[in-house]
C-alpha atoms as a PDB file:
ATOM      1  CA  MET A   1      -9.199  19.064 -22.834  1.00  0.00           C
ATOM      2  CA  ILE A   2      -6.996  19.629 -19.811  1.00  0.00           C
ATOM      3  CA  ALA A   3      -8.376  16.621 -17.957  1.00  0.00           C
ATOM      4  CA  ARG A   4      -7.585  14.403 -20.894  1.00  0.00           C
ATOM      5  CA  ARG A   5      -4.068  15.750 -21.183  1.00  0.00           C
ATOM      6  CA  ILE A   6      -3.007  15.134 -17.611  1.00  0.00           C
ATOM      7  CA  ARG A   7      -5.174  12.131 -16.824  1.00  0.00           C
ATOM      8  CA  PRO A   8      -6.446  13.417 -13.437  1.00  0.00           C
ATOM      9  CA  TRP A   9      -8.462  10.271 -12.792  1.00  0.00           C
ATOM     10  CA  CYS A  10      -5.620   7.807 -13.274  1.00  0.00           C
ATOM     11  CA  PRO A  11      -5.140   6.535  -9.701  1.00  0.00           C
ATOM     12  CA  LEU A  12      -1.579   6.448  -8.402  1.00  0.00           C
ATOM     13  CA  PHE A  13      -2.606   3.699  -5.989  1.00  0.00           C
ATOM     14  CA  LEU A  14      -3.565   1.186  -8.610  1.00  0.00           C
ATOM     15  CA  ILE A  15      -0.407   0.052 -10.359  1.00  0.00           C
ATOM     16  CA  LEU A  16       2.679  -0.489  -8.224  1.00  0.00           C
ATOM     17  CA  GLY A  17       5.885  -1.943  -9.593  1.00  0.00           C
ATOM     18  CA  CYS A  18       9.080  -3.227  -8.073  1.00  0.00           C
ATOM     19  CA  GLY A  19       9.683  -1.767  -4.623  1.00  0.00           C
ATOM     20  CA  ARG A  20      12.222  -1.873  -1.883  1.00  0.00           C
ATOM     21  CA  MET A  21      12.205  -1.696   1.882  1.00  0.00           C
ATOM     22  CA  THR A  22      15.153  -0.155   3.625  1.00  0.00           C
ATOM     23  CA  SER A  23      15.953   0.213   7.311  1.00  0.00           C
ATOM     24  CA  ARG A  24      17.598   3.585   6.862  1.00  0.00           C
ATOM     25  CA  GLU A  25      15.680   6.717   7.873  1.00  0.00           C
ATOM     26  CA  PRO A  26      15.419   9.049   4.870  1.00  0.00           C
ATOM     27  CA  ALA A  27      14.476  12.682   5.191  1.00  0.00           C
ATOM     28  CA  ILE A  28      10.766  13.072   5.821  1.00  0.00           C
ATOM     29  CA  PRO A  29       9.138  15.073   3.031  1.00  0.00           C
ATOM     30  CA  ASP A  30       7.181  18.240   3.606  1.00  0.00           C
ATOM     31  CA  ARG A  31       3.635  17.288   4.585  1.00  0.00           C
ATOM     32  CA  GLY A  32       2.169  20.551   3.346  1.00  0.00           C
ATOM     33  CA  ASN A  33      -1.471  20.776   4.359  1.00  0.00           C
ATOM     34  CA  VAL A  34      -1.891  17.014   4.612  1.00  0.00           C
ATOM     35  CA  THR A  35      -2.202  15.789   8.181  1.00  0.00           C
ATOM     36  CA  ILE A  36      -1.810  12.257   9.448  1.00  0.00           C
ATOM     37  CA  PRO A  37      -5.358  10.841   9.510  1.00  0.00           C
ATOM     38  CA  ALA A  38      -6.881   9.374  12.624  1.00  0.00           C
ATOM     39  CA  PRO A  39      -6.799   5.589  12.993  1.00  0.00           C
ATOM     40  CA  VAL A  40      -9.368   3.883  10.806  1.00  0.00           C
ATOM     41  CA  SER A  41     -11.184   2.574  13.873  1.00  0.00           C
ATOM     42  CA  PRO A  42     -10.860   3.453  17.576  1.00  0.00           C
ATOM     43  CA  PRO A  43      -7.909   1.653  19.198  1.00  0.00           C
ATOM     44  CA  SER A  44      -8.981  -1.698  20.622  1.00  0.00           C
ATOM     45  CA  PRO A  45      -8.601  -1.864  24.402  1.00  0.00           C
ATOM     46  CA  ALA A  46      -5.896  -4.148  25.729  1.00  0.00           C
ATOM     47  CA  SER A  47      -7.388  -7.386  26.991  1.00  0.00           C
ATOM     48  CA  GLY A  48      -4.429  -8.570  29.055  1.00  0.00           C
ATOM     49  CA  SER A  49      -1.440  -7.374  31.030  1.00  0.00           C
ATOM     50  CA  ALA A  50       1.418  -8.816  28.993  1.00  0.00           C
ATOM     51  CA  ARG A  51       4.164  -6.297  28.249  1.00  0.00           C
ATOM     52  CA  SER A  52       6.488  -8.338  26.024  1.00  0.00           C
ATOM     53  CA  TRP A  53       6.312 -11.241  23.591  1.00  0.00           C
ATOM     54  CA  VAL A  54       8.858 -13.627  22.065  1.00  0.00           C
ATOM     55  CA  LEU A  55       7.698 -14.566  18.579  1.00  0.00           C
ATOM     56  CA  THR A  56       8.267 -17.923  16.916  1.00  0.00           C
ATOM     57  CA  SER A  57       8.429 -18.703  13.195  1.00  0.00           C
ATOM     58  CA  ASP A  58       5.439 -19.350  10.935  1.00  0.00           C
ATOM     59  CA  ALA A  59       6.256 -19.689   7.233  1.00  0.00           C
ATOM     60  CA  ARG A  60       3.106 -21.630   6.302  1.00  0.00           C
ATOM     61  CA  PRO A  61       0.813 -20.230   3.573  1.00  0.00           C
ATOM     62  CA  HIS A  62      -2.237 -18.335   4.833  1.00  0.00           C
ATOM     63  CA  VAL A  63      -5.205 -16.986   2.891  1.00  0.00           C
ATOM     64  CA  TYR A  64      -6.449 -13.387   3.179  1.00  0.00           C
ATOM     65  CA  THR A  65      -9.305 -11.303   1.814  1.00  0.00           C
ATOM     66  CA  ALA A  66      -8.832  -7.606   1.110  1.00  0.00           C
ATOM     67  CA  VAL A  67     -11.183  -4.760   0.214  1.00  0.00           C
ATOM     68  CA  THR A  68      -9.797  -1.382  -0.846  1.00  0.00           C
ATOM     69  CA  SER A  69     -11.921   1.735  -1.346  1.00  0.00           C
ATOM     70  CA  ILE A  70     -10.433   4.715  -3.194  1.00  0.00           C
ATOM     71  CA  ILE A  71     -11.970   8.199  -3.444  1.00  0.00           C
ATOM     72  CA  PHE A  72     -10.674  10.824  -5.908  1.00  0.00           C
ATOM     73  CA  GLU A  73     -11.462  14.536  -5.789  1.00  0.00           C
ATOM     74  CA  LEU A  74     -10.422  16.995  -8.457  1.00  0.00           C
ATOM     75  CA  GLY A  75      -9.307  20.405  -7.143  1.00  0.00           C
ATOM     76  CA  ALA A  76     -10.052  21.937  -3.766  1.00  0.00           C
ATOM     77  CA  ASP A  77     -13.800  22.059  -4.459  1.00  0.00           C
ATOM     78  CA  PRO A  78     -15.468  18.617  -4.308  1.00  0.00           C
ATOM     79  CA  GLY A  79     -18.079  19.919  -6.736  1.00  0.00           C
ATOM     80  CA  LEU A  80     -15.475  20.023  -9.518  1.00  0.00           C
ATOM     81  CA  GLY A  81     -15.291  16.266  -9.695  1.00  0.00           C
ATOM     82  CA  ARG A  82     -15.431  13.217  -7.453  1.00  0.00           C
ATOM     83  CA  ASP A  83     -15.283   9.536  -8.145  1.00  0.00           C
ATOM     84  CA  SER A  84     -14.512   6.264  -6.409  1.00  0.00           C
ATOM     85  CA  MET A  85     -13.225   2.770  -6.979  1.00  0.00           C
ATOM     86  CA  THR A  86     -13.454  -0.511  -5.048  1.00  0.00           C
ATOM     87  CA  ILE A  87     -10.931  -3.329  -5.351  1.00  0.00           C
ATOM     88  CA  SER A  88     -11.592  -6.793  -3.878  1.00  0.00           C
ATOM     89  CA  SER A  89      -9.120  -9.647  -3.744  1.00  0.00           C
ATOM     90  CA  ARG A  90      -8.326 -12.995  -2.148  1.00  0.00           C
ATOM     91  CA  PHE A  91      -4.720 -14.112  -1.906  1.00  0.00           C
ATOM     92  CA  SER A  92      -2.418 -16.558  -0.154  1.00  0.00           C
ATOM     93  CA  LEU A  93       0.828 -15.432   1.468  1.00  0.00           C
ATOM     94  CA  SER A  94       3.723 -17.388   2.924  1.00  0.00           C
ATOM     95  CA  PHE A  95       6.116 -15.196   4.912  1.00  0.00           C
ATOM     96  CA  ASP A  96       7.986 -15.535   8.219  1.00  0.00           C
ATOM     97  CA  ARG A  97       7.900 -12.000   9.654  1.00  0.00           C
ATOM     98  CA  THR A  98      10.610 -12.659  12.232  1.00  0.00           C
ATOM     99  CA  ASN A  99      13.216 -13.845   9.696  1.00  0.00           C
ATOM    100  CA  PRO A 100      14.947 -11.076   7.679  1.00  0.00           C
ATOM    101  CA  SER A 101      16.140 -13.600   5.068  1.00  0.00           C
ATOM    102  CA  ALA A 102      12.793 -15.385   4.668  1.00  0.00           C
ATOM    103  CA  GLN A 103      11.454 -16.141   1.216  1.00  0.00           C
ATOM    104  CA  ILE A 104       8.077 -14.619   0.314  1.00  0.00           C
ATOM    105  CA  SER A 105       5.636 -16.506  -1.894  1.00  0.00           C
ATOM    106  CA  GLY A 106       1.945 -16.659  -2.695  1.00  0.00           C
ATOM    107  CA  ASN A 107      -0.705 -16.180  -5.321  1.00  0.00           C
ATOM    108  CA  VAL A 108      -3.698 -13.965  -5.992  1.00  0.00           C
ATOM    109  CA  GLU A 109      -6.700 -16.245  -6.377  1.00  0.00           C
ATOM    110  CA  ARG A 110      -9.371 -13.631  -7.053  1.00  0.00           C
ATOM    111  CA  TYR A 111      -9.239  -9.982  -8.082  1.00  0.00           C
ATOM    112  CA  SER A 112     -11.936  -7.520  -9.171  1.00  0.00           C
ATOM    113  CA  ILE A 113     -12.244  -3.762  -9.740  1.00  0.00           C
ATOM    114  CA  GLU A 114     -15.412  -1.658  -9.675  1.00  0.00           C
ATOM    115  CA  ALA A 115     -14.662   1.812 -11.055  1.00  0.00           C
ATOM    116  CA  GLY A 116     -16.804   4.940 -11.275  1.00  0.00           C
ATOM    117  CA  SER A 117     -17.757   6.772 -14.447  1.00  0.00           C
ATOM    118  CA  ARG A 118     -14.891   9.297 -14.316  1.00  0.00           C
ATOM    119  CA  VAL A 119     -12.230   6.639 -13.817  1.00  0.00           C
ATOM    120  CA  GLY A 120     -13.831   4.662 -16.610  1.00  0.00           C
ATOM    121  CA  PRO A 121     -13.068   1.098 -17.702  1.00  0.00           C
ATOM    122  CA  ILE A 122      -9.739  -0.345 -16.623  1.00  0.00           C
ATOM    123  CA  ALA A 123      -7.871  -0.929 -19.873  1.00  0.00           C
ATOM    124  CA  ARG A 124      -5.904  -3.973 -18.812  1.00  0.00           C
ATOM    125  CA  ARG A 125      -7.206  -6.004 -15.895  1.00  0.00           C
ATOM    126  CA  PRO A 126      -4.885  -8.662 -14.515  1.00  0.00           C
ATOM    127  CA  SER A 127      -6.045 -12.251 -14.947  1.00  0.00           C
ATOM    128  CA  THR A 128      -5.875 -14.704 -12.046  1.00  0.00           C
ATOM    129  CA  PRO A 129      -4.311 -16.729 -10.608  1.00  0.00           C
ATOM    130  CA  ILE A 130      -1.210 -14.566 -10.262  1.00  0.00           C
ATOM    131  CA  VAL A 131       1.811 -16.270  -8.700  1.00  0.00           C
ATOM    132  CA  PHE A 132       4.314 -13.987  -6.977  1.00  0.00           C
ATOM    133  CA  SER A 133       7.557 -14.444  -5.067  1.00  0.00           C
ATOM    134  CA  GLY A 134      10.057 -12.236  -3.328  1.00  0.00           C
ATOM    135  CA  ASN A 135      12.501 -11.693  -0.521  1.00  0.00           C
ATOM    136  CA  ILE A 136      14.082  -9.088   1.688  1.00  0.00           C
ATOM    137  CA  ARG A 137      17.817  -8.728   1.160  1.00  0.00           C
ATOM    138  CA  ASN A 138      19.996  -6.099   2.816  1.00  0.00           C
ATOM    139  CA  GLY A 139      16.872  -4.311   3.983  1.00  0.00           C
ATOM    140  CA  ARG A 140      15.280  -4.272   0.500  1.00  0.00           C
ATOM    141  CA  LEU A 141      11.900  -5.793  -0.324  1.00  0.00           C
ATOM    142  CA  SER A 142      11.344  -7.260  -3.781  1.00  0.00           C
ATOM    143  CA  LEU A 143       8.131  -8.847  -5.133  1.00  0.00           C
ATOM    144  CA  ASN A 144       7.915 -10.230  -8.649  1.00  0.00           C
ATOM    145  CA  THR A 145       5.273 -11.800 -10.864  1.00  0.00           C
ATOM    146  CA  ALA A 146       5.679 -13.933 -13.945  1.00  0.00           C
ATOM    147  CA  GLU A 147       3.780 -11.586 -16.290  1.00  0.00           C
ATOM    148  CA  PRO A 148       6.081  -9.781 -18.757  1.00  0.00           C
ATOM    149  CA  THR A 149       6.107  -5.987 -18.959  1.00  0.00           C
ATOM    150  CA  LEU A 150       4.296  -4.420 -21.912  1.00  0.00           C
ATOM    151  CA  GLU A 151       6.768  -3.400 -24.617  1.00  0.00           C
ATOM    152  CA  THR A 152       4.835  -0.176 -25.213  1.00  0.00           C
ATOM    153  CA  THR A 153       5.363   0.982 -21.626  1.00  0.00           C
ATOM    154  CA  PRO A 154       8.759  -0.328 -20.516  1.00  0.00           C
ATOM    155  CA  ALA A 155       9.045   2.203 -17.689  1.00  0.00           C
ATOM    156  CA  CYS A 156       5.713   1.180 -16.175  1.00  0.00           C
ATOM    157  CA  PRO A 157       4.836  -1.997 -14.248  1.00  0.00           C
ATOM    158  CA  ASN A 158       2.775  -4.804 -15.733  1.00  0.00           C
ATOM    159  CA  SER A 159      -0.893  -5.279 -14.907  1.00  0.00           C
ATOM    160  CA  ALA A 160      -0.147  -8.159 -12.518  1.00  0.00           C
ATOM    161  CA  SER A 161       1.604  -5.637 -10.265  1.00  0.00           C
ATOM    162  CA  THR A 162      -1.796  -4.054  -9.731  1.00  0.00           C
ATOM    163  CA  ALA A 163      -2.976  -7.106  -7.870  1.00  0.00           C
ATOM    164  CA  ILE A 164       0.029  -7.327  -5.538  1.00  0.00           C
ATOM    165  CA  ALA A 165       0.055  -3.631  -4.584  1.00  0.00           C
ATOM    166  CA  GLY A 166      -2.003  -4.205  -1.445  1.00  0.00           C
ATOM    167  CA  ILE A 167       0.019  -7.297  -0.538  1.00  0.00           C
ATOM    168  CA  ARG A 168       3.188  -5.204  -0.585  1.00  0.00           C
ATOM    169  CA  ARG A 169       1.801  -2.922   2.146  1.00  0.00           C
ATOM    170  CA  THR A 170       1.088  -5.880   4.453  1.00  0.00           C
ATOM    171  CA  ILE A 171       4.697  -7.135   4.325  1.00  0.00           C
ATOM    172  CA  PHE A 172       6.899  -5.780   7.102  1.00  0.00           C
ATOM    173  CA  LEU A 173       9.361  -7.396   9.480  1.00  0.00           C
ATOM    174  CA  LEU A 174       8.837  -7.801  13.207  1.00  0.00           C
ATOM    175  CA  PRO A 175      11.609  -8.028  15.816  1.00  0.00           C
ATOM    176  CA  ALA A 176      11.833 -11.537  17.295  1.00  0.00           C
ATOM    177  CA  GLN A 177      11.047 -10.008  20.683  1.00  0.00           C
ATOM    178  CA  ILE A 178       8.705  -7.048  20.996  1.00  0.00           C
ATOM    179  CA  ALA A 179       7.454  -5.078  23.980  1.00  0.00           C
ATOM    180  CA  ARG A 180       4.644  -2.641  24.627  1.00  0.00           C
ATOM    181  CA  ASP A 181       5.455   0.940  23.504  1.00  0.00           C
ATOM    182  CA  MET A 182       8.365  -0.335  21.387  1.00  0.00           C
ATOM    183  CA  THR A 183       8.825   1.592  18.117  1.00  0.00           C
ATOM    184  CA  TRP A 184      10.770   1.120  14.880  1.00  0.00           C
ATOM    185  CA  MET A 185      10.837   2.537  11.362  1.00  0.00           C
ATOM    186  CA  ASP A 186      11.069   1.361   7.782  1.00  0.00           C
ATOM    187  CA  SER A 187      10.833   2.939   4.357  1.00  0.00           C
ATOM    188  CA  THR A 188       9.194   1.368   1.299  1.00  0.00           C
ATOM    189  CA  SER A 189       9.773   2.731  -2.200  1.00  0.00           C
ATOM    190  CA  SER A 190       7.880   1.662  -5.315  1.00  0.00           C
ATOM    191  CA  THR A 191       7.152   2.787  -8.840  1.00  0.00           C
ATOM    192  CA  THR A 192       3.649   3.474 -10.095  1.00  0.00           C
ATOM    193  CA  CYS A 193       2.202   4.779 -13.358  1.00  0.00           C
ATOM    194  CA  HIS A 194       0.130   7.878 -13.935  1.00  0.00           C
ATOM    195  CA  GLY A 195      -0.905   7.170 -17.485  1.00  0.00           C
ATOM    196  CA  LEU A 196       2.436   6.498 -19.198  1.00  0.00           C
ATOM    197  CA  THR A 197       4.449   8.544 -16.690  1.00  0.00           C
ATOM    198  CA  PRO A 198       6.479   6.555 -14.127  1.00  0.00           C
ATOM    199  CA  VAL A 199       6.174   7.955 -10.595  1.00  0.00           C
ATOM    200  CA  ASP A 200       8.328   7.073  -7.577  1.00  0.00           C
ATOM    201  CA  ILE A 201       6.426   6.754  -4.299  1.00  0.00           C
ATOM    202  CA  THR A 202       8.164   6.561  -0.907  1.00  0.00           C
ATOM    203  CA  LEU A 203       6.336   5.654   2.308  1.00  0.00           C
ATOM    204  CA  THR A 204       8.292   6.215   5.536  1.00  0.00           C
ATOM    205  CA  SER A 205       6.562   4.405   8.407  1.00  0.00           C
ATOM    206  CA  THR A 206       6.809   4.334  12.185  1.00  0.00           C
ATOM    207  CA  TYR A 207       5.433   1.304  14.043  1.00  0.00           C
ATOM    208  CA  ARG A 208       4.385   1.291  17.691  1.00  0.00           C
ATOM    209  CA  VAL A 209       3.382  -1.727  19.797  1.00  0.00           C
ATOM    210  CA  MET A 210       0.173  -0.825  21.629  1.00  0.00           C
ATOM    211  CA  GLY A 211      -0.434  -4.036  23.613  1.00  0.00           C
ATOM    212  CA  ASP A 212      -2.368  -7.288  23.568  1.00  0.00           C
ATOM    213  CA  THR A 213      -5.965  -7.372  22.366  1.00  0.00           C
ATOM    214  CA  ASN A 214      -8.366  -9.536  20.358  1.00  0.00           C
ATOM    215  CA  HIS A 215      -9.139  -9.394  16.655  1.00  0.00           C
ATOM    216  CA  ARG A 216     -12.220 -11.191  15.399  1.00  0.00           C
ATOM    217  CA  GLY A 217     -12.028 -13.578  18.347  1.00  0.00           C
ATOM    218  CA  LEU A 218      -8.285 -14.274  18.034  1.00  0.00           C
ATOM    219  CA  ALA A 219      -5.613 -13.335  20.563  1.00  0.00           C
ATOM    220  CA  ALA A 220      -3.568 -10.548  18.987  1.00  0.00           C
ATOM    221  CA  ILE A 221      -1.019  -7.799  19.477  1.00  0.00           C
ATOM    222  CA  LEU A 222      -2.065  -4.382  18.200  1.00  0.00           C
ATOM    223  CA  ILE A 223       0.585  -2.473  16.240  1.00  0.00           C
ATOM    224  CA  GLU A 224      -0.160   1.035  15.000  1.00  0.00           C
ATOM    225  CA  ARG A 225       1.576   2.502  11.964  1.00  0.00           C
ATOM    226  CA  THR A 226       1.850   6.147  10.945  1.00  0.00           C
ATOM    227  CA  GLY A 227       3.725   7.397   7.955  1.00  0.00           C
ATOM    228  CA  VAL A 228       4.386  10.095   5.391  1.00  0.00           C
ATOM    229  CA  ILE A 229       4.298   9.652   1.615  1.00  0.00           C
ATOM    230  CA  SER A 230       6.117  11.546  -1.122  1.00  0.00           C
ATOM    231  CA  THR A 231       5.689  11.178  -4.894  1.00  0.00           C
ATOM    232  CA  GLU A 232       7.682  12.483  -7.835  1.00  0.00           C
ATOM    233  CA  GLY A 233       7.805  11.627 -11.517  1.00  0.00           C
ATOM    234  CA  GLN A 234       8.366  13.009 -14.988  1.00  0.00           C
ATOM    235  CA  GLY A 235       7.625  11.671 -18.440  1.00  0.00           C
ATOM    236  CA  SER A 236       5.711  12.325 -21.625  1.00  0.00           C
ATOM    237  CA  ASP A 237       2.188  11.732 -22.844  1.00  0.00           C
ATOM    238  CA  GLY A 238       2.158  12.125 -26.588  1.00  0.00           C
ATOM    239  CA  GLN A 239       3.720  15.502 -27.351  1.00  0.00           C
ATOM    240  CA  HIS A 240       3.275  16.793 -23.816  1.00  0.00           C
ATOM    241  CA  THR A 241       5.773  16.712 -20.945  1.00  0.00           C
ATOM    242  CA  VAL A 242       4.170  15.623 -17.690  1.00  0.00           C
ATOM    243  CA  ALA A 243       5.536  16.323 -14.201  1.00  0.00           C
ATOM    244  CA  ILE A 244       3.942  14.874 -11.081  1.00  0.00           C
ATOM    245  CA  THR A 245       4.592  15.741  -7.427  1.00  0.00           C
ATOM    246  CA  GLY A 246       2.674  14.961  -4.290  1.00  0.00           C
ATOM    247  CA  ASN A 247       2.724  14.286  -0.589  1.00  0.00           C
ATOM    248  CA  GLY A 248       0.485  12.610   1.913  1.00  0.00           C
ATOM    249  CA  SER A 249       0.166  10.627   5.090  1.00  0.00           C
ATOM    250  CA  ALA A 250      -0.904   7.223   6.314  1.00  0.00           C
ATOM    251  CA  ALA A 251      -2.238   5.675   9.497  1.00  0.00           C
ATOM    252  CA  GLY A 252      -3.316   2.154  10.270  1.00  0.00           C
ATOM    253  CA  GLU A 253      -3.734  -0.676  12.722  1.00  0.00           C
ATOM    254  CA  PHE A 254      -2.185  -4.111  12.292  1.00  0.00           C
ATOM    255  CA  TYR A 255      -3.195  -7.125  14.366  1.00  0.00           C
ATOM    256  CA  VAL A 256      -0.607  -9.903  14.638  1.00  0.00           C
ATOM    257  CA  ASP A 257      -0.679 -13.262  16.393  1.00  0.00           C
ATOM    258  CA  ARG A 258       0.796 -13.154  19.904  1.00  0.00           C
ATOM    259  CA  VAL A 259       2.886 -16.289  19.319  1.00  0.00           C
ATOM    260  CA  THR A 260       4.035 -16.208  15.681  1.00  0.00           C
ATOM    261  CA  GLY A 261       3.565 -12.600  14.552  1.00  0.00           C
ATOM    262  CA  LEU A 262       1.244 -13.834  11.785  1.00  0.00           C
ATOM    263  CA  LEU A 263      -0.866 -11.005  10.367  1.00  0.00           C
ATOM    264  CA  LEU A 264      -4.480 -11.536  11.459  1.00  0.00           C
ATOM    265  CA  GLY A 265      -5.903  -8.361   9.973  1.00  0.00           C
ATOM    266  CA  SER A 266      -5.263  -4.697   9.254  1.00  0.00           C
ATOM    267  CA  GLU A 267      -7.009  -1.411   8.564  1.00  0.00           C
ATOM    268  CA  ASP A 268      -4.971   1.192   6.724  1.00  0.00           C
ATOM    269  CA  ARG A 269      -5.790   4.693   5.472  1.00  0.00           C
ATOM    270  CA  GLN A 270      -3.800   6.938   3.146  1.00  0.00           C
ATOM    271  CA  ILE A 271      -4.461  10.535   2.096  1.00  0.00           C
ATOM    272  CA  MET A 272      -2.538  12.174  -0.729  1.00  0.00           C
ATOM    273  CA  LYS A 273      -2.545  15.503  -2.572  1.00  0.00           C
ATOM    274  CA  ILE A 274      -1.111  15.294  -6.073  1.00  0.00           C
ATOM    275  CA  ILE A 275      -0.195  18.024  -8.578  1.00  0.00           C
ATOM    276  CA  VAL A 276       0.052  17.152 -12.269  1.00  0.00           C
ATOM    277  CA  ALA A 277       1.653  19.724 -14.599  1.00  0.00           C
ATOM    278  CA  SER A 278       1.471  19.433 -18.386  1.00  0.00           C
ATOM    279  CA  SER A 279       2.313  22.045 -21.041  1.00  0.00           C
ATOM    280  CA  GLY A 280       2.409  24.835 -18.461  1.00  0.00           C
ATOM    281  CA  ARG A 281      -0.913  23.886 -16.824  1.00  0.00           C
ATOM    282  CA  ARG A 282      -1.339  22.548 -13.292  1.00  0.00           C
ATOM    283  CA  GLN A 283      -4.110  20.494 -11.821  1.00  0.00           C
ATOM    284  CA  GLU A 284      -4.483  19.289  -8.253  1.00  0.00           C
ATOM    285  CA  PHE A 285      -6.449  16.341  -6.972  1.00  0.00           C
ATOM    286  CA  SER A 286      -6.667  14.349  -3.764  1.00  0.00           C
ATOM    287  CA  GLN A 287      -6.783  10.605  -3.260  1.00  0.00           C
ATOM    288  CA  THR A 288      -8.033   8.796  -0.147  1.00  0.00           C
ATOM    289  CA  VAL A 289      -7.437   5.057   0.223  1.00  0.00           C
ATOM    290  CA  LEU A 290      -9.088   2.849   2.844  1.00  0.00           C
ATOM    291  CA  GLU A 291      -7.861  -0.734   2.909  1.00  0.00           C
ATOM    292  CA  ARG A 292      -9.039  -3.654   5.068  1.00  0.00           C
ATOM    293  CA  VAL A 293      -7.283  -7.020   5.103  1.00  0.00           C
ATOM    294  CA  ASN A 294      -8.332 -10.059   7.148  1.00  0.00           C
ATOM    295  CA  LEU A 295      -7.131 -13.607   7.575  1.00  0.00           C
ATOM    296  CA  ASP A 296      -9.628 -15.891   5.862  1.00  0.00           C
ATOM    297  CA  SER A 297     -11.304 -18.192   8.377  1.00  0.00           C
ATOM    298  CA  GLN A 298     -12.217 -20.794   5.731  1.00  0.00           C
END
C-alpha cells in the first residue's frame, strides 16, 4: 500500500536529534501556501509602563509541565485521513538565558504519549527519568542524553531525543538588556526521523518584545516569536528510495520574568505541509502542533 510505503503518519515533530542554534540569518525558505498562524491566544495587554529591563542571572533548576497536541491530515481533503496525538511531560531545566556560555542541564521526570489509531502504537517509548545536558558554543545549541543510538538506525536519533524535543524549542538566549519593540533573530537546526529516513529541519525565528504583562499571576515580559520552517531529507525504506520536503510557519508567545528572564510559560503553534515521494509516487500531508509550557507552581 502507498501509505505503508511512505509512512504518512510518522510525525516529523516527534523525534528530534542533535540540533544547533546559530546567530546568522540564513535564507528564508519559500513559504508556499503556508501562512504564519495567528498567535495561539490574543496578546495579553501590557499592565505597566516600563519600556526597558536589565536582566540578572538565574541558573537555578526550575520545573515545567508541557502539553503538546499534534493533528495530522493526509492530502488536501480532510476526509482522506485525519489523526491526532497528545504528548504530556514534566521536566526540570537549569539555564541562564542571559549568559551565552551557560551550561544547560535537566531531566525529564515524566513523559507520556496518547496516539490515535492511524498513528498506531509508538514502537519505542523513552523511559524516564531522562538526564540531559548541553551548551551554546559559538552560536550553536547542543543537547545530549545518555541513551545510546540504536545500531539499526545510526542516522536517526535515539528515543530519548523524543522527550527533549519540546525542551529544545524553549531554549533561546535573551539580551542582558531588552526594550519594548526590540527584535532579534536566531536559527535552530535539528535532525528528525520519518520512519528510517533522516530529515533536516530548520526553524528561523524572529523575536519581538511586546511589553510588560502578567502570566498566571506573575509579573512578566511578553515576547512574541514568528518563524518559518523548512524540511529536507532523503533515505531508503527497504528497497524504496524516500525523499521528503516541506515548509511551514510558527508563531508563539513566551512569558519571561521581568528580573531574571526566567521562562514562566509559553504557547507555540507550528503548521507544516510535507511531501513524501517514494518509487515515483508523491503524497502530501499537513501537521499542526500546539504546545503549551508552564512553570510548575509546586
